[in-house]
Amino acid sequence: MAQSRHEKSYLFIIGILIILTALSVILFFALQTDPIASVLENNQLLNVLFVLQKDGEPLFTDVFIYYPESERGALFNIPGNTGLILGSLDRVDRIDAVYTEKGIETYKKEIEALTDITIPFTIEMSIDQFSALTDLLGGLNVFIPSPIDVVNGDVRHILPSGSVDLDGEKMVSYLSYADDEETSDNIQDRMEGVMVAFLHALNKKSTFVLNKNVFPVVSRYLKANIDNKALYRLISLISAIDSERLVPQTISGKRREVDGQVLLFPDYNGELIKEVFKQTMISIASTGGIANDRVYVLEIQNGTSQQGLARNTGGLLQSYGYDVLSMINADRDYDKTQVIDHIGNAKVAQAIADIIHCKNIITEEVPKDANSTESEDSPVDFTIILGRDFTGRYVR
């Protein structure tokens, strides 16, 4: 009788343990929330850090911002030679040194501090993985302004000019070659073009890439900080963007030599890039925003006696993704700064004026039967004439 009582006690304890184990398993899976679903449910922006590296050193770093609700996005290149006081390294150095020495997570934190945004997702690719992805996507189309024939060590890089489809091997050559005559801006343009070509191929081949049998192969070449299920959903969202309307933006700044290397120090002590990110994200997330419509062409005129005002302001506007065609002196001195709208687009004119806190917007008369948004009489969409009330950053 006592033995039967003991057996019942053991069975009761075992039953309790089984129930507790089952509850623990259920609770564990309940807490495993889908990070992508969380972003979508909270109507947030999708921020992704892309890093393409060769031998552990970044070839390019891009912050991709996407708003699923409006299907609009922005792409920011973070130049590797961006100079900062890096807390993680306790020294002034180029920002990509953090990736090389500390890895992707610390690198992401430094970029978050630079841009003042949160970047939940990271995707890393080695140059060999990117080569394999390029072949899997059927090649990437890039524009090469002039023929390339460069010898680096024992390797000769030969590529034609024009709009060229590159396979994986040629892509490695395109990303790797070094030409003494090429400026840092040229190199940056080359890397930006590759990233846009990659996003374009994802969009064009999205059905193929997202095939349940193909994606496991694709994910093999993408090192992400999320599991494959979440990565599948992330790529499905990224591939929906119209990459042809995506204009890469970057950090503007002044180059200075520090410890034998030339670093790019962000304008206005880094406050400008934070503002550019903030305004871009607001524009993307607003239903009436103007982001991703097209690239607008500006002319900046200096209506004061202060030297370099148009050039500096041109750099400021380029940071916001505008194409500054010319920076010249005005026909006379102006007391008041003005923004002249040549195409009758009040939203864009206001957005440009807001950057410099200008309230003086002049709209030229646009023919009502015009078939396009561009003025036939002006090669630019908007003209900014800087007056004496302009401080170099804002209108007083």
Protein backbone atom coordinates (compact mmCIF):
# COMPACT_ATOMS: atom_id res chain seq x y z
CA MET A 1 0.00 0.00 0.00
CA ALA A 2 2.88 2.34 0.88
CA GLN A 3 4.63 1.41 -2.38
CA SER A 4 1.48 2.27 -4.35
CA ARG A 5 1.37 5.63 -2.57
CA HIS A 6 5.01 6.29 -3.51
CA GLU A 7 4.35 5.32 -7.14
CA LYS A 8 1.46 7.79 -7.30
CA SER A 9 3.68 10.52 -5.87
CA TYR A 10 6.36 9.83 -8.47
CA LEU A 11 3.78 9.84 -11.26
CA PHE A 12 2.37 13.12 -9.97
CA ILE A 13 5.83 14.73 -9.88
CA ILE A 14 6.62 13.44 -13.38
CA GLY A 15 3.30 14.80 -14.62
CA ILE A 16 4.07 18.22 -13.13
CA LEU A 17 7.51 18.21 -14.79
CA ILE A 18 6.00 17.32 -18.16
CA ILE A 19 3.47 20.14 -17.87
CA LEU A 20 6.17 22.63 -16.85
CA THR A 21 8.39 21.55 -19.75
CA ALA A 22 5.51 21.90 -22.21
CA LEU A 23 4.68 25.37 -20.87
CA SER A 24 8.33 26.41 -21.15
CA VAL A 25 8.47 25.29 -24.78
CA ILE A 26 5.23 27.12 -25.59
CA LEU A 27 6.47 30.27 -23.83
CA PHE A 28 9.82 30.09 -25.64
CA PHE A 29 8.21 29.98 -29.08
CA ALA A 30 5.69 32.65 -28.13
CA LEU A 31 8.55 35.01 -27.32
CA GLN A 32 10.29 34.40 -30.64
CA THR A 33 8.67 37.31 -32.48
CA ASP A 34 9.31 37.90 -36.16
CA PRO A 35 11.40 41.11 -36.27
CA ILE A 36 10.14 41.99 -39.76
CA ALA A 37 6.52 41.48 -38.71
CA SER A 38 7.15 43.75 -35.74
CA VAL A 39 8.32 46.54 -38.07
CA LEU A 40 5.32 46.10 -40.36
CA GLU A 41 2.79 45.93 -37.53
CA ASN A 42 4.14 49.12 -35.97
CA ASN A 43 4.18 50.90 -39.34
CA GLN A 44 7.90 51.59 -39.03
CA LEU A 45 10.69 52.18 -41.51
CA LEU A 46 12.82 49.22 -42.50
CA ASN A 47 16.49 50.16 -42.00
CA VAL A 48 19.14 47.76 -43.28
CA LEU A 49 22.94 48.00 -43.21
CA PHE A 50 24.61 46.40 -46.25
CA VAL A 51 28.35 45.70 -46.13
CA LEU A 52 30.35 44.21 -49.01
CA GLN A 53 33.80 43.21 -47.84
CA LYS A 54 37.00 41.80 -49.27
CA ASP A 55 39.48 40.10 -46.96
CA GLY A 56 37.67 41.57 -43.95
CA GLU A 57 37.77 45.18 -45.17
CA PRO A 58 34.61 46.92 -46.45
CA LEU A 59 34.51 47.74 -50.16
CA PHE A 60 31.29 49.64 -49.60
CA THR A 61 28.79 50.27 -46.83
CA ASP A 62 25.21 51.34 -47.52
CA VAL A 63 22.26 52.17 -45.30
CA PHE A 64 19.04 51.20 -47.05
CA ILE A 65 15.85 52.82 -45.75
CA TYR A 66 12.50 51.46 -46.92
CA TYR A 67 8.90 52.23 -46.01
CA PRO A 68 6.72 49.23 -46.98
CA GLU A 69 3.49 51.22 -46.71
CA SER A 70 4.47 53.61 -49.51
CA GLU A 71 6.99 51.27 -51.21
CA ARG A 72 9.50 54.13 -51.25
CA GLY A 73 13.06 54.08 -50.07
CA ALA A 74 16.44 55.76 -49.94
CA LEU A 75 20.02 54.56 -50.17
CA PHE A 76 22.88 56.22 -48.30
CA ASN A 77 26.51 55.39 -48.92
CA ILE A 78 28.78 55.64 -45.88
CA PRO A 79 32.29 56.33 -47.24
CA GLY A 80 34.86 54.09 -45.57
CA ASN A 81 37.20 57.04 -45.04
CA THR A 82 34.62 59.02 -43.04
CA GLY A 83 36.66 60.50 -40.19
CA LEU A 84 35.24 60.44 -36.66
CA ILE A 85 36.19 60.24 -33.02
CA LEU A 86 35.39 56.55 -32.66
CA GLY A 87 34.43 55.60 -29.13
CA SER A 88 34.76 51.89 -29.87
CA LEU A 89 38.40 52.35 -30.91
CA ASP A 90 39.19 55.30 -28.61
CA ARG A 91 40.82 57.30 -31.39
CA VAL A 92 40.19 59.41 -34.49
CA ASP A 93 40.15 57.12 -37.51
CA ARG A 94 38.22 56.11 -40.61
CA ILE A 95 34.88 54.56 -39.76
CA ASP A 96 35.45 51.28 -41.61
CA ALA A 97 38.37 50.53 -39.26
CA VAL A 98 35.66 49.63 -36.74
CA TYR A 99 34.38 46.84 -38.99
CA THR A 100 37.88 45.45 -39.51
CA GLU A 101 38.80 45.52 -35.83
CA LYS A 102 35.49 45.04 -34.01
CA GLY A 103 33.05 43.41 -36.43
CA ILE A 104 29.62 44.19 -37.82
CA GLU A 105 27.70 44.85 -34.57
CA THR A 106 30.10 47.51 -33.27
CA TYR A 107 30.34 48.95 -36.80
CA LYS A 108 26.55 49.20 -36.91
CA LYS A 109 26.49 51.05 -33.58
CA GLU A 110 29.02 53.62 -34.83
CA ILE A 111 26.92 54.20 -37.98
CA GLU A 112 23.78 54.52 -35.85
CA ALA A 113 25.56 57.19 -33.80
CA LEU A 114 26.70 58.96 -36.98
CA THR A 115 23.23 58.99 -38.57
CA ASP A 116 21.13 59.18 -35.39
CA ILE A 117 18.88 56.33 -36.53
CA THR A 118 18.31 52.75 -35.39
CA ILE A 119 19.39 50.03 -37.83
CA PRO A 120 17.91 46.68 -36.73
CA PHE A 121 19.07 44.59 -39.69
CA THR A 122 22.50 43.85 -41.16
CA ILE A 123 23.48 41.95 -44.30
CA GLU A 124 27.12 41.14 -45.02
CA MET A 125 28.58 39.73 -48.23
CA SER A 126 32.14 38.81 -49.08
CA ILE A 127 33.32 39.62 -52.60
CA ASP A 128 33.24 35.89 -53.45
CA GLN A 129 29.67 35.58 -52.16
CA PHE A 130 28.69 38.65 -54.16
CA SER A 131 30.28 37.11 -57.25
CA ALA A 132 28.18 33.97 -56.78
CA LEU A 133 25.04 36.08 -56.26
CA THR A 134 25.84 38.04 -59.42
CA ASP A 135 25.93 34.82 -61.44
CA LEU A 136 22.76 33.56 -59.75
CA LEU A 137 20.98 36.78 -60.76
CA GLY A 138 22.13 36.41 -64.36
CA GLY A 139 24.67 39.24 -64.13
CA LEU A 140 24.48 42.86 -63.00
CA ASN A 141 24.20 45.84 -65.33
CA VAL A 142 26.50 48.78 -64.58
CA PHE A 143 27.51 51.89 -66.51
CA ILE A 144 31.25 52.23 -67.13
CA PRO A 145 32.07 55.76 -68.40
CA SER A 146 35.36 54.82 -70.09
CA PRO A 147 37.16 51.56 -70.95
CA ILE A 148 39.19 49.99 -68.15
CA ASP A 149 42.61 48.50 -68.83
CA VAL A 150 44.56 48.44 -65.57
CA VAL A 151 47.32 46.17 -64.30
CA ASN A 152 47.44 45.59 -60.52
CA GLY A 153 50.32 43.32 -59.63
CA ASP A 154 49.95 40.14 -61.68
CA VAL A 155 46.30 40.83 -62.54
CA ARG A 156 45.11 42.74 -65.58
CA HIS A 157 41.61 44.21 -65.45
CA ILE A 158 39.96 44.79 -68.84
CA LEU A 159 36.38 46.03 -69.09
CA PRO A 160 34.52 47.83 -71.91
CA SER A 161 32.75 51.18 -71.55
CA GLY A 162 29.03 51.84 -71.68
CA SER A 163 26.11 49.93 -70.19
CA VAL A 164 27.65 46.54 -69.48
CA ASP A 165 26.31 43.27 -68.04
CA LEU A 166 28.95 41.81 -65.74
CA ASP A 167 29.08 38.19 -64.62
CA GLY A 168 30.49 37.20 -61.25
CA GLU A 169 34.12 37.05 -62.36
CA LYS A 170 33.96 40.40 -64.15
CA MET A 171 32.16 41.91 -61.15
CA VAL A 172 35.06 40.91 -58.90
CA SER A 173 37.40 42.62 -61.36
CA TYR A 174 35.21 45.75 -61.48
CA LEU A 175 35.07 45.99 -57.69
CA SER A 176 38.74 45.20 -57.12
CA TYR A 177 40.76 47.17 -59.65
CA ALA A 178 42.75 50.20 -58.52
CA ASP A 179 43.63 53.09 -60.83
CA ASP A 180 45.94 55.88 -59.65
CA GLU A 181 44.07 58.36 -61.85
CA GLU A 182 40.71 57.58 -60.25
CA THR A 183 39.57 59.96 -57.50
CA SER A 184 37.93 58.83 -54.26
CA ASP A 185 34.64 60.27 -55.57
CA ASN A 186 34.97 58.15 -58.73
CA ILE A 187 35.56 55.03 -56.64
CA GLN A 188 32.54 55.86 -54.50
CA ASP A 189 30.37 56.33 -57.61
CA ARG A 190 31.54 52.94 -58.87
CA MET A 191 30.57 51.20 -55.63
CA GLU A 192 27.21 53.00 -55.44
CA GLY A 193 26.44 51.91 -58.99
CA VAL A 194 27.07 48.28 -58.05
CA MET A 195 24.68 48.47 -55.09
CA VAL A 196 21.94 50.02 -57.22
CA ALA A 197 22.54 47.35 -59.89
CA PHE A 198 22.17 44.66 -57.22
CA LEU A 199 18.87 46.09 -55.97
CA HIS A 200 17.65 46.42 -59.55
CA ALA A 201 18.46 42.76 -60.23
CA LEU A 202 16.65 41.71 -57.04
CA ASN A 203 13.59 43.61 -58.24
CA LYS A 204 13.78 42.24 -61.78
CA LYS A 205 14.38 38.64 -60.67
CA SER A 206 12.24 38.71 -57.51
CA THR A 207 10.02 35.79 -58.58
CA PHE A 208 13.09 33.66 -59.18
CA VAL A 209 14.94 34.79 -56.04
CA LEU A 210 11.92 34.21 -53.79
CA ASN A 211 11.20 30.75 -55.19
CA LYS A 212 11.12 28.33 -52.24
CA ASN A 213 13.69 26.10 -53.95
CA VAL A 214 16.01 28.96 -54.95
CA PHE A 215 16.03 31.15 -51.84
CA PRO A 216 17.98 28.66 -49.69
CA VAL A 217 20.78 29.03 -52.25
CA VAL A 218 20.49 32.84 -52.19
CA SER A 219 20.56 32.98 -48.39
CA ARG A 220 23.79 30.98 -48.41
CA TYR A 221 25.53 34.09 -49.76
CA LEU A 222 23.91 36.59 -47.37
CA LYS A 223 25.15 36.76 -43.79
CA ALA A 224 22.32 38.39 -41.85
CA ASN A 225 21.62 38.99 -38.16
CA ILE A 226 18.20 37.34 -38.51
CA ASP A 227 17.10 33.78 -39.28
CA ASN A 228 16.32 32.58 -42.81
CA LYS A 229 12.55 32.92 -42.37
CA ALA A 230 12.88 36.59 -41.44
CA LEU A 231 15.54 37.10 -44.13
CA TYR A 232 13.14 35.73 -46.75
CA ARG A 233 10.54 38.28 -45.71
CA LEU A 234 13.13 41.07 -45.63
CA ILE A 235 14.36 40.31 -49.15
CA SER A 236 10.78 40.06 -50.41
CA LEU A 237 10.20 43.63 -49.18
CA ILE A 238 13.52 45.01 -50.44
CA SER A 239 13.01 43.50 -53.89
CA ALA A 240 9.70 45.36 -54.28
CA ILE A 241 11.30 48.80 -54.51
CA ASP A 242 11.71 50.51 -57.88
CA SER A 243 15.49 50.78 -57.91
CA GLU A 244 15.53 52.88 -61.10
CA ARG A 245 14.12 55.77 -59.07
CA LEU A 246 16.59 55.21 -56.25
CA VAL A 247 19.29 57.91 -56.13
CA PRO A 248 22.21 57.10 -53.81
CA GLN A 249 23.07 59.81 -51.31
CA THR A 250 26.24 60.17 -49.32
CA ILE A 251 28.03 62.17 -46.64
CA SER A 252 29.40 65.58 -47.53
CA GLY A 253 32.42 66.92 -45.74
CA LYS A 254 35.95 68.27 -45.80
CA ARG A 255 39.00 66.11 -46.45
CA ARG A 256 41.90 66.41 -44.03
CA GLU A 257 45.05 64.38 -43.55
CA VAL A 258 45.34 62.62 -40.20
CA ASP A 259 48.26 60.32 -39.35
CA GLY A 260 49.16 59.87 -42.99
CA GLN A 261 45.67 59.09 -44.29
CA VAL A 262 43.07 61.38 -45.86
CA LEU A 263 39.80 61.35 -43.93
CA LEU A 264 36.42 62.84 -44.82
CA PHE A 265 35.07 64.80 -41.85
CA PRO A 266 31.28 65.34 -42.07
CA ASP A 267 30.05 68.91 -42.54
CA TYR A 268 28.73 70.89 -39.56
CA ASN A 269 30.35 68.46 -37.08
CA GLY A 270 28.13 65.64 -38.28
CA GLU A 271 24.85 67.45 -37.61
CA LEU A 272 24.06 67.80 -41.33
CA ILE A 273 24.03 64.07 -42.06
CA LYS A 274 21.74 63.50 -39.07
CA GLU A 275 19.37 66.16 -40.42
CA VAL A 276 19.49 64.69 -43.93
CA PHE A 277 18.58 61.23 -42.59
CA LYS A 278 15.79 62.69 -40.47
CA GLN A 279 14.24 64.69 -43.31
CA THR A 280 14.58 61.80 -45.76
CA MET A 281 12.83 59.41 -43.40
CA ILE A 282 10.02 61.90 -42.75
CA SER A 283 9.56 62.37 -46.49
CA ILE A 284 9.54 58.63 -47.21
CA ALA A 285 7.04 57.89 -44.45
CA SER A 286 4.62 60.72 -45.33
CA THR A 287 1.81 59.92 -47.75
CA GLY A 288 2.33 63.22 -49.53
CA GLY A 289 6.11 63.07 -49.51
CA ILE A 290 8.30 63.71 -52.50
CA ALA A 291 11.08 61.21 -51.95
CA ASN A 292 11.92 58.92 -54.82
CA ASP A 293 9.94 60.85 -57.46
CA ARG A 294 12.99 61.76 -59.56
CA VAL A 295 16.21 63.75 -59.30
CA TYR A 296 15.55 67.49 -59.39
CA VAL A 297 18.12 69.79 -61.00
CA LEU A 298 19.13 72.98 -59.20
CA GLU A 299 21.16 76.09 -59.90
CA ILE A 300 22.68 78.01 -56.98
CA GLN A 301 23.44 81.70 -57.46
CA ASN A 302 25.46 83.82 -55.05
CA GLY A 303 23.77 87.20 -54.68
CA THR A 304 26.27 88.46 -52.11
CA SER A 305 29.93 89.50 -51.96
CA GLN A 306 30.80 86.51 -49.75
CA GLN A 307 33.13 84.12 -51.57
CA GLY A 308 32.26 80.42 -51.89
CA LEU A 309 28.66 80.77 -50.72
CA ALA A 310 27.11 79.15 -53.81
CA ARG A 311 29.64 76.31 -53.82
CA ASN A 312 29.09 75.48 -50.15
CA THR A 313 25.31 75.64 -50.50
CA GLY A 314 25.52 73.45 -53.59
CA GLY A 315 27.28 70.80 -51.54
CA LEU A 316 24.57 71.10 -48.90
CA LEU A 317 21.78 70.52 -51.43
CA GLN A 318 23.64 67.60 -53.01
CA SER A 319 23.64 65.97 -49.58
CA TYR A 320 19.85 65.92 -49.81
CA GLY A 321 19.98 64.07 -53.14
CA TYR A 322 19.49 67.02 -55.52
CA ASP A 323 21.52 67.41 -58.71
CA VAL A 324 23.25 70.80 -58.63
CA LEU A 325 23.97 71.70 -62.25
CA SER A 326 25.77 75.00 -61.63
CA MET A 327 26.97 77.26 -58.83
CA ILE A 328 27.48 80.81 -60.13
CA ASN A 329 27.36 84.48 -59.17
CA ALA A 330 24.00 86.24 -59.51
CA ASP A 331 23.49 89.16 -61.91
CA ARG A 332 23.40 91.58 -58.95
CA ASP A 333 23.35 91.70 -55.15
CA TYR A 334 20.18 90.49 -53.41
CA ASP A 335 18.93 91.41 -49.96
CA LYS A 336 16.52 88.48 -49.71
CA THR A 337 17.19 84.84 -50.55
CA GLN A 338 14.70 83.33 -52.98
CA VAL A 339 13.79 79.95 -54.41
CA ILE A 340 12.51 80.10 -58.00
CA ASP A 341 10.27 77.24 -59.12
CA HIS A 342 10.55 76.72 -62.89
CA ILE A 343 8.31 73.62 -63.12
CA GLY A 344 5.30 74.49 -60.96
CA ASN A 345 5.93 71.85 -58.31
CA ALA A 346 5.03 73.56 -55.04
CA LYS A 347 5.81 70.55 -52.82
CA VAL A 348 9.38 70.19 -54.03
CA ALA A 349 9.93 73.96 -53.97
CA GLN A 350 8.79 74.04 -50.36
CA ALA A 351 11.00 71.09 -49.45
CA ILE A 352 14.04 72.85 -50.93
CA ALA A 353 13.17 76.12 -49.21
CA ASP A 354 12.74 74.32 -45.87
CA ILE A 355 16.33 73.06 -46.00
CA ILE A 356 17.66 76.61 -45.77
CA HIS A 357 14.64 78.06 -43.91
CA CYS A 358 13.67 80.25 -46.86
CA LYS A 359 10.13 81.63 -47.04
CA ASN A 360 10.53 83.54 -50.29
CA ILE A 361 9.35 81.17 -53.05
CA ILE A 362 8.69 82.50 -56.56
CA THR A 363 6.79 80.32 -59.02
CA GLU A 364 7.25 80.91 -62.72
CA GLU A 365 4.20 80.56 -64.93
CA VAL A 366 4.14 77.09 -66.48
CA PRO A 367 2.07 76.54 -69.67
CA LYS A 368 -1.15 74.70 -68.83
CA ASP A 369 -0.81 72.44 -71.85
CA ALA A 370 2.73 71.37 -70.92
CA ASN A 371 3.14 67.64 -71.44
CA SER A 372 5.86 67.23 -68.83
CA THR A 373 6.93 68.62 -65.48
CA GLU A 374 10.02 70.24 -66.95
CA SER A 375 10.29 73.76 -68.28
CA GLU A 376 11.36 74.06 -71.90
CA ASP A 377 13.04 77.41 -71.24
CA SER A 378 15.23 76.37 -68.30
CA PRO A 379 17.71 73.47 -68.00
CA VAL A 380 17.11 73.49 -64.25
CA ASP A 381 14.00 72.79 -62.20
CA PHE A 382 14.71 75.25 -59.39
CA THR A 383 17.04 78.22 -58.91
CA ILE A 384 18.21 79.36 -55.49
CA ILE A 385 19.50 82.93 -55.27
CA LEU A 386 21.34 83.53 -52.00
CA GLY A 387 20.85 86.98 -50.50
CA ARG A 388 22.43 88.97 -47.69
CA ASP A 389 20.00 87.36 -45.23
CA PHE A 390 21.67 83.96 -45.77
CA THR A 391 24.11 82.98 -43.00
CA GLY A 392 25.86 80.22 -44.94
CA ARG A 393 23.41 77.61 -43.66
CA TYR A 394 20.06 79.25 -43.02
CA VAL A 395 18.07 82.34 -43.98
CA ARG A 396 17.77 84.71 -41.03
